[in-house]
Amino acid sequence: MLSSGIVFAADNADTDTGTTAWMLTSTALVLLMVPGLAMFYGGLVRTKNVLGTMMHSFVAMALIGVLWAVCGYSMAFGKNVLGGFVGWNSDYFFLKGIDDVMVKGVPEYVLAMFQGKFAIITPALISGALAERVYFRSYCLFIALWFLLIYCPLCHWVWAPDGWLFNTGAAGVIDLAGGLV
């Protein structure tokens, strides 16, 4: 029968709240690794280089965070272009096309944040090898180029659904503990 009544917005039945909560918790933990890494590397260098060494980790967070939002996610999780070397999806440019998309019960923007934190921590780890050895401008240029030319294509190969390593063999690539990407 037809009747009138109050209509409430229903929760999205496709959302796996437990998995989403765990992904958000993991994202926050990886984000906290960057200041910890900065303090660790700052403690390993001479007193005159502490601030500069710590700055390398924090600049990686800022620079790679912006690059990830602008074009990194699009390059890593877009459709194959350039013969499968890298991905691209103009809908993901500036993260504009991931609003209501669900991936295995998790909102895509949560996955984008999670993957973005690993994109940030990786060049921050590299900064330890460059402590006291590189100029600041050179480091910024290096991590930007490294991110765009190395990290994003590798991430596409391993994690994108049409990445060539993702589809290799029965299980695809096995990235133990994030050692590859």
C-alpha atoms as a PDB file:
ATOM      1  CA  MET A   1       0.000   0.000   0.000  1.00  0.00           C
ATOM      2  CA  LEU A   2       1.054   3.548  -0.553  1.00  0.00           C
ATOM      3  CA  SER A   3       1.515   5.636   2.542  1.00  0.00           C
ATOM      4  CA  SER A   4       3.282   8.806   3.509  1.00  0.00           C
ATOM      5  CA  GLY A   5       6.037   8.938   6.073  1.00  0.00           C
ATOM      6  CA  ILE A   6       9.472  10.232   6.858  1.00  0.00           C
ATOM      7  CA  VAL A   7      12.243   8.931   4.679  1.00  0.00           C
ATOM      8  CA  PHE A   8      15.704   8.629   6.230  1.00  0.00           C
ATOM      9  CA  ALA A   9      18.930   8.348   4.335  1.00  0.00           C
ATOM     10  CA  ALA A  10      19.954   4.712   4.395  1.00  0.00           C
ATOM     11  CA  ASP A  11      23.469   3.661   5.183  1.00  0.00           C
ATOM     12  CA  ASN A  12      25.377   2.364   2.202  1.00  0.00           C
ATOM     13  CA  ALA A  13      24.900  -1.409   2.486  1.00  0.00           C
ATOM     14  CA  ASP A  14      28.017  -2.003   0.406  1.00  0.00           C
ATOM     15  CA  THR A  15      30.389  -0.422   2.927  1.00  0.00           C
ATOM     16  CA  ASP A  16      32.372  -2.860   5.042  1.00  0.00           C
ATOM     17  CA  THR A  17      32.717  -0.734   8.157  1.00  0.00           C
ATOM     18  CA  GLY A  18      35.254  -3.001   9.855  1.00  0.00           C
ATOM     19  CA  THR A  19      37.607  -3.055   6.891  1.00  0.00           C
ATOM     20  CA  THR A  20      37.168   0.672   6.326  1.00  0.00           C
ATOM     21  CA  ALA A  21      37.932   1.424   9.984  1.00  0.00           C
ATOM     22  CA  TRP A  22      41.050  -0.743   9.830  1.00  0.00           C
ATOM     23  CA  MET A  23      42.206   0.960   6.624  1.00  0.00           C
ATOM     24  CA  LEU A  24      41.772   4.389   8.240  1.00  0.00           C
ATOM     25  CA  THR A  25      43.655   3.238  11.346  1.00  0.00           C
ATOM     26  CA  SER A  26      46.470   1.853   9.207  1.00  0.00           C
ATOM     27  CA  THR A  27      46.567   5.092   7.225  1.00  0.00           C
ATOM     28  CA  ALA A  28      46.964   7.111  10.424  1.00  0.00           C
ATOM     29  CA  LEU A  29      49.721   4.798  11.671  1.00  0.00           C
ATOM     30  CA  VAL A  30      51.682   5.109   8.424  1.00  0.00           C
ATOM     31  CA  LEU A  31      51.258   8.888   8.575  1.00  0.00           C
ATOM     32  CA  LEU A  32      52.765   8.869  12.080  1.00  0.00           C
ATOM     33  CA  MET A  33      55.793   7.005  10.752  1.00  0.00           C
ATOM     34  CA  VAL A  34      57.026  10.118   8.927  1.00  0.00           C
ATOM     35  CA  PRO A  35      57.652  12.273  12.041  1.00  0.00           C
ATOM     36  CA  GLY A  36      59.126   9.228  13.774  1.00  0.00           C
ATOM     37  CA  LEU A  37      61.439   8.661  10.849  1.00  0.00           C
ATOM     38  CA  ALA A  38      62.402  12.350  10.854  1.00  0.00           C
ATOM     39  CA  MET A  39      63.334  12.158  14.533  1.00  0.00           C
ATOM     40  CA  PHE A  40      65.254   8.931  14.001  1.00  0.00           C
ATOM     41  CA  TYR A  41      67.275  10.340  11.110  1.00  0.00           C
ATOM     42  CA  GLY A  42      67.751  13.606  12.998  1.00  0.00           C
ATOM     43  CA  GLY A  43      69.359  11.655  15.817  1.00  0.00           C
ATOM     44  CA  LEU A  44      71.813   9.965  13.475  1.00  0.00           C
ATOM     45  CA  VAL A  45      73.451  13.093  12.062  1.00  0.00           C
ATOM     46  CA  ARG A  46      75.750  15.767  13.441  1.00  0.00           C
ATOM     47  CA  THR A  47      74.145  18.587  15.416  1.00  0.00           C
ATOM     48  CA  LYS A  48      74.515  21.134  12.628  1.00  0.00           C
ATOM     49  CA  ASN A  49      72.495  18.931  10.210  1.00  0.00           C
ATOM     50  CA  VAL A  50      69.626  17.849  12.472  1.00  0.00           C
ATOM     51  CA  LEU A  51      67.096  20.398  11.238  1.00  0.00           C
ATOM     52  CA  GLY A  52      67.906  19.878   7.557  1.00  0.00           C
ATOM     53  CA  THR A  53      67.734  16.109   7.868  1.00  0.00           C
ATOM     54  CA  MET A  54      64.394  16.240   9.658  1.00  0.00           C
ATOM     55  CA  MET A  55      63.129  18.687   7.060  1.00  0.00           C
ATOM     56  CA  HIS A  56      63.768  16.119   4.315  1.00  0.00           C
ATOM     57  CA  SER A  57      61.120  13.805   5.771  1.00  0.00           C
ATOM     58  CA  PHE A  58      58.564  16.556   6.280  1.00  0.00           C
ATOM     59  CA  VAL A  59      59.102  17.995   2.810  1.00  0.00           C
ATOM     60  CA  ALA A  60      58.574  14.509   1.392  1.00  0.00           C
ATOM     61  CA  MET A  61      55.203  14.506   3.160  1.00  0.00           C
ATOM     62  CA  ALA A  62      54.226  17.857   1.659  1.00  0.00           C
ATOM     63  CA  LEU A  63      55.610  17.451  -1.853  1.00  0.00           C
ATOM     64  CA  ILE A  64      54.590  13.842  -2.442  1.00  0.00           C
ATOM     65  CA  GLY A  65      51.205  14.442  -0.792  1.00  0.00           C
ATOM     66  CA  VAL A  66      50.455  17.191  -3.300  1.00  0.00           C
ATOM     67  CA  LEU A  67      51.825  15.211  -6.258  1.00  0.00           C
ATOM     68  CA  TRP A  68      49.784  12.163  -5.209  1.00  0.00           C
ATOM     69  CA  ALA A  69      46.574  14.194  -5.119  1.00  0.00           C
ATOM     70  CA  VAL A  70      47.300  16.023  -8.368  1.00  0.00           C
ATOM     71  CA  CYS A  71      48.442  13.198 -10.625  1.00  0.00           C
ATOM     72  CA  GLY A  72      50.022  10.306  -8.697  1.00  0.00           C
ATOM     73  CA  TYR A  73      46.824   8.399  -7.975  1.00  0.00           C
ATOM     74  CA  SER A  74      45.779   8.819 -11.587  1.00  0.00           C
ATOM     75  CA  MET A  75      49.131   7.488 -12.805  1.00  0.00           C
ATOM     76  CA  ALA A  76      49.158   4.574 -10.375  1.00  0.00           C
ATOM     77  CA  PHE A  77      45.549   3.397 -10.620  1.00  0.00           C
ATOM     78  CA  GLY A  78      44.384   4.605 -14.023  1.00  0.00           C
ATOM     79  CA  LYS A  79      43.978   2.492 -17.148  1.00  0.00           C
ATOM     80  CA  ASN A  80      47.077   1.320 -19.025  1.00  0.00           C
ATOM     81  CA  VAL A  81      48.725   3.891 -21.280  1.00  0.00           C
ATOM     82  CA  LEU A  82      52.136   3.941 -22.958  1.00  0.00           C
ATOM     83  CA  GLY A  83      52.038   0.184 -23.473  1.00  0.00           C
ATOM     84  CA  GLY A  84      51.181  -0.526 -19.844  1.00  0.00           C
ATOM     85  CA  PHE A  85      54.193   1.372 -18.492  1.00  0.00           C
ATOM     86  CA  VAL A  86      51.964   3.665 -16.470  1.00  0.00           C
ATOM     87  CA  GLY A  87      48.274   4.275 -15.937  1.00  0.00           C
ATOM     88  CA  TRP A  88      46.184   7.345 -16.501  1.00  0.00           C
ATOM     89  CA  ASN A  89      42.592   8.273 -15.812  1.00  0.00           C
ATOM     90  CA  SER A  90      41.660  11.917 -16.186  1.00  0.00           C
ATOM     91  CA  ASP A  91      38.738  11.313 -13.809  1.00  0.00           C
ATOM     92  CA  TYR A  92      41.273  10.697 -11.026  1.00  0.00           C
ATOM     93  CA  PHE A  93      43.167  13.930 -11.747  1.00  0.00           C
ATOM     94  CA  PHE A  94      43.065  15.966  -8.495  1.00  0.00           C
ATOM     95  CA  LEU A  95      41.192  12.967  -6.992  1.00  0.00           C
ATOM     96  CA  LYS A  96      37.955  14.296  -8.448  1.00  0.00           C
ATOM     97  CA  GLY A  97      36.405  11.032  -9.686  1.00  0.00           C
ATOM     98  CA  ILE A  98      36.619   8.834  -6.601  1.00  0.00           C
ATOM     99  CA  ASP A  99      33.755  10.216  -4.516  1.00  0.00           C
ATOM    100  CA  ASP A 100      31.217   7.381  -4.333  1.00  0.00           C
ATOM    101  CA  VAL A 101      33.187   4.481  -5.757  1.00  0.00           C
ATOM    102  CA  MET A 102      33.510   1.368  -3.573  1.00  0.00           C
ATOM    103  CA  VAL A 103      36.347  -1.150  -3.920  1.00  0.00           C
ATOM    104  CA  LYS A 104      35.648  -4.431  -2.104  1.00  0.00           C
ATOM    105  CA  GLY A 105      33.540  -2.667   0.517  1.00  0.00           C
ATOM    106  CA  VAL A 106      35.968   0.195   1.118  1.00  0.00           C
ATOM    107  CA  PRO A 107      35.439   3.707  -0.275  1.00  0.00           C
ATOM    108  CA  GLU A 108      38.007   4.478  -2.940  1.00  0.00           C
ATOM    109  CA  TYR A 109      39.039   7.708  -1.241  1.00  0.00           C
ATOM    110  CA  VAL A 110      40.140   5.637   1.782  1.00  0.00           C
ATOM    111  CA  LEU A 111      42.256   3.451  -0.496  1.00  0.00           C
ATOM    112  CA  ALA A 112      43.664   6.583  -2.149  1.00  0.00           C
ATOM    113  CA  MET A 113      44.673   7.971   1.259  1.00  0.00           C
ATOM    114  CA  PHE A 114      46.189   4.637   2.310  1.00  0.00           C
ATOM    115  CA  GLN A 115      48.239   4.264  -0.861  1.00  0.00           C
ATOM    116  CA  GLY A 116      49.200   7.944  -0.678  1.00  0.00           C
ATOM    117  CA  LYS A 117      50.758   7.477   2.749  1.00  0.00           C
ATOM    118  CA  PHE A 118      53.008   4.741   1.369  1.00  0.00           C
ATOM    119  CA  ALA A 119      53.908   7.025  -1.516  1.00  0.00           C
ATOM    120  CA  ILE A 120      54.968   9.558   1.142  1.00  0.00           C
ATOM    121  CA  ILE A 121      56.925   7.242   3.437  1.00  0.00           C
ATOM    122  CA  THR A 122      59.014   5.756   0.625  1.00  0.00           C
ATOM    123  CA  PRO A 123      60.968   8.918  -0.312  1.00  0.00           C
ATOM    124  CA  ALA A 124      61.148   9.789   3.377  1.00  0.00           C
ATOM    125  CA  LEU A 125      63.016   6.501   3.841  1.00  0.00           C
ATOM    126  CA  ILE A 126      65.345   7.429   0.999  1.00  0.00           C
ATOM    127  CA  SER A 127      66.207  10.660   2.800  1.00  0.00           C
ATOM    128  CA  GLY A 128      68.200   8.687   5.360  1.00  0.00           C
ATOM    129  CA  ALA A 129      70.654   7.605   2.683  1.00  0.00           C
ATOM    130  CA  LEU A 130      71.013  11.207   1.537  1.00  0.00           C
ATOM    131  CA  ALA A 131      71.437  12.785   4.981  1.00  0.00           C
ATOM    132  CA  GLU A 132      74.322  15.279   5.023  1.00  0.00           C
ATOM    133  CA  ARG A 133      75.063  14.465   1.367  1.00  0.00           C
ATOM    134  CA  VAL A 134      72.644  16.462  -0.768  1.00  0.00           C
ATOM    135  CA  TYR A 135      71.416  20.031  -1.120  1.00  0.00           C
ATOM    136  CA  PHE A 136      67.814  20.667  -0.188  1.00  0.00           C
ATOM    137  CA  ARG A 137      66.711  21.801  -3.673  1.00  0.00           C
ATOM    138  CA  SER A 138      68.356  18.767  -5.222  1.00  0.00           C
ATOM    139  CA  TYR A 139      66.529  16.502  -2.780  1.00  0.00           C
ATOM    140  CA  CYS A 140      63.170  18.090  -3.641  1.00  0.00           C
ATOM    141  CA  LEU A 141      63.800  17.667  -7.363  1.00  0.00           C
ATOM    142  CA  PHE A 142      65.016  14.097  -6.857  1.00  0.00           C
ATOM    143  CA  ILE A 143      61.976  12.933  -4.883  1.00  0.00           C
ATOM    144  CA  ALA A 144      59.545  14.595  -7.307  1.00  0.00           C
ATOM    145  CA  LEU A 145      61.182  12.928 -10.320  1.00  0.00           C
ATOM    146  CA  TRP A 146      61.620   9.634  -8.477  1.00  0.00           C
ATOM    147  CA  PHE A 147      57.946   9.649  -7.513  1.00  0.00           C
ATOM    148  CA  LEU A 148      56.695  10.399 -11.026  1.00  0.00           C
ATOM    149  CA  LEU A 149      59.135   8.208 -12.983  1.00  0.00           C
ATOM    150  CA  ILE A 150      59.734   5.269 -10.626  1.00  0.00           C
ATOM    151  CA  TYR A 151      57.130   4.984  -7.864  1.00  0.00           C
ATOM    152  CA  CYS A 152      53.935   5.643  -9.840  1.00  0.00           C
ATOM    153  CA  PRO A 153      54.748   3.224 -12.693  1.00  0.00           C
ATOM    154  CA  LEU A 154      55.838   0.527 -10.221  1.00  0.00           C
ATOM    155  CA  CYS A 155      52.693   1.057  -8.163  1.00  0.00           C
ATOM    156  CA  HIS A 156      50.630   0.750 -11.344  1.00  0.00           C
ATOM    157  CA  TRP A 157      52.330  -2.500 -12.342  1.00  0.00           C
ATOM    158  CA  VAL A 158      51.811  -4.081  -8.918  1.00  0.00           C
ATOM    159  CA  TRP A 159      48.519  -2.706  -7.569  1.00  0.00           C
ATOM    160  CA  ALA A 160      46.365  -1.537 -10.500  1.00  0.00           C
ATOM    161  CA  PRO A 161      43.842  -4.151 -11.708  1.00  0.00           C
ATOM    162  CA  ASP A 162      45.308  -4.007 -15.227  1.00  0.00           C
ATOM    163  CA  GLY A 163      48.949  -3.777 -14.117  1.00  0.00           C
ATOM    164  CA  TRP A 164      51.122  -6.381 -15.796  1.00  0.00           C
ATOM    165  CA  LEU A 165      52.683  -7.659 -12.549  1.00  0.00           C
ATOM    166  CA  PHE A 166      49.264  -7.724 -10.876  1.00  0.00           C
ATOM    167  CA  ASN A 167      48.111 -10.239 -13.490  1.00  0.00           C
ATOM    168  CA  THR A 168      51.256 -12.365 -13.717  1.00  0.00           C
ATOM    169  CA  GLY A 169      50.817 -16.036 -12.863  1.00  0.00           C
ATOM    170  CA  ALA A 170      48.128 -17.514 -10.655  1.00  0.00           C
ATOM    171  CA  ALA A 171      48.550 -15.170  -7.694  1.00  0.00           C
ATOM    172  CA  GLY A 172      50.063 -12.178  -9.429  1.00  0.00           C
ATOM    173  CA  VAL A 173      53.016 -10.472  -7.804  1.00  0.00           C
ATOM    174  CA  ILE A 174      53.479 -11.163  -4.121  1.00  0.00           C
ATOM    175  CA  ASP A 175      54.644  -7.955  -2.459  1.00  0.00           C
ATOM    176  CA  LEU A 176      55.815  -9.167   0.935  1.00  0.00           C
ATOM    177  CA  ALA A 177      55.287  -6.442   3.537  1.00  0.00           C
ATOM    178  CA  GLY A 178      55.396  -3.692   0.920  1.00  0.00           C
ATOM    179  CA  GLY A 179      59.003  -4.388   0.029  1.00  0.00           C
ATOM    180  CA  LEU A 180      58.415  -3.658  -3.651  1.00  0.00           C
ATOM    181  CA  VAL A 181      56.027  -0.719  -3.552  1.00  0.00           C
END
